[in-house]
Amino acid sequence: MKTTFNRFTDIQHRPLRIYNRSVMFANLFEDQGKYVAEEYAQTFTKEERLEMAQMTALVKKKGVKTIQSLVTAGVEFVDDEYKAQ
């Protein structure tokens, strides 16, 4: 049975979309294992997977709080929605 994953395509602010995908991959890997995480990764193009890997490396290098601040810069959150400025 194929799992349906959130690909965050509704998020137009690219840095935030890439960050969310990277976090989803890490959470799947930790919670459900390598197989499920790889299945998620395969729903993206090679370029998108590279962006996720780069984001993961940035998080490891600079820390979660710093990257969260950077990827949400210029984004206004209203309730559960956001608006890029």
Protein backbone atom coordinates (compact mmCIF):
# COMPACT_ATOMS: atom_id res chain seq x y z
CA MET A 1 0.00 0.00 0.00
CA LYS A 2 1.42 3.37 -1.06
CA THR A 3 1.44 6.07 1.59
CA THR A 4 0.26 9.59 0.79
CA PHE A 5 2.69 12.19 2.09
CA ASN A 6 2.45 15.93 2.60
CA ARG A 7 4.75 17.49 0.00
CA PHE A 8 4.01 21.07 1.16
CA THR A 9 3.19 22.18 -2.38
CA ASP A 10 0.72 24.67 -0.94
CA ILE A 11 3.59 26.67 0.57
CA GLN A 12 4.74 29.18 -2.00
CA HIS A 13 7.66 30.57 0.03
CA ARG A 14 10.39 28.27 -1.28
CA PRO A 15 12.79 28.28 1.70
CA LEU A 16 9.96 27.38 4.08
CA ARG A 17 8.69 24.66 1.72
CA ILE A 18 12.17 23.10 1.50
CA TYR A 19 12.61 23.32 5.27
CA ASN A 20 9.25 21.63 5.92
CA ARG A 21 10.11 18.83 3.50
CA SER A 22 13.47 18.32 5.20
CA VAL A 23 11.87 18.16 8.64
CA MET A 24 9.24 15.72 7.37
CA PHE A 25 11.98 13.47 5.95
CA ALA A 26 13.91 13.54 9.25
CA ASN A 27 10.78 12.81 11.28
CA LEU A 28 9.79 9.91 9.02
CA PHE A 29 13.32 8.50 9.23
CA GLU A 30 13.32 8.71 13.03
CA ASP A 31 9.74 7.57 13.64
CA GLN A 32 9.10 5.07 10.85
CA GLY A 33 12.52 4.10 9.55
CA LYS A 34 14.69 4.40 6.50
CA TYR A 35 12.28 2.66 4.10
CA VAL A 36 9.41 5.10 4.70
CA ALA A 37 11.73 8.12 4.62
CA GLU A 38 13.19 6.94 1.30
CA GLU A 39 9.69 6.44 -0.07
CA TYR A 40 8.93 10.06 0.84
CA ALA A 41 12.16 11.29 -0.75
CA GLN A 42 11.32 9.49 -3.99
CA THR A 43 8.18 11.63 -4.42
CA PHE A 44 10.51 14.54 -5.26
CA THR A 45 12.73 15.30 -8.22
CA LYS A 46 16.49 14.91 -7.96
CA GLU A 47 16.80 18.70 -7.67
CA GLU A 48 14.24 18.85 -4.87
CA ARG A 49 16.04 16.07 -2.98
CA LEU A 50 19.28 18.00 -3.33
CA GLU A 51 17.59 21.11 -1.90
CA MET A 52 16.38 19.04 1.06
CA ALA A 53 19.88 17.66 1.64
CA GLN A 54 21.34 21.16 1.52
CA MET A 55 18.75 22.39 4.00
CA THR A 56 19.52 19.50 6.35
CA ALA A 57 23.23 20.35 6.17
CA LEU A 58 22.46 24.00 6.98
CA VAL A 59 20.39 22.98 10.00
CA LYS A 60 23.23 20.82 11.26
CA LYS A 61 25.75 23.62 10.73
CA LYS A 62 23.79 26.65 11.98
CA GLY A 63 21.16 25.12 14.26
CA VAL A 64 17.41 24.74 14.08
CA LYS A 65 16.48 28.14 15.57
CA THR A 66 18.73 30.08 13.17
CA ILE A 67 17.40 28.25 10.13
CA GLN A 68 13.79 28.56 11.27
CA SER A 69 14.33 32.29 11.56
CA LEU A 70 15.88 32.49 8.10
CA VAL A 71 13.25 30.39 6.29
CA THR A 72 10.36 32.31 7.84
CA ALA A 73 11.81 35.77 7.14
CA GLY A 74 9.27 37.75 5.16
CA VAL A 75 6.44 35.36 5.96
CA GLU A 76 3.41 36.54 7.92
CA PHE A 77 1.61 33.80 9.83
CA VAL A 78 -2.12 34.24 10.39
CA ASP A 79 -3.75 31.42 12.36
CA ASP A 80 -2.61 28.27 10.53
CA GLU A 81 -2.02 30.10 7.28
CA TYR A 82 0.85 32.26 6.11
CA LYS A 83 1.33 35.06 3.68
CA ALA A 84 4.67 35.80 1.97
CA GLN A 85 5.48 39.49 1.94
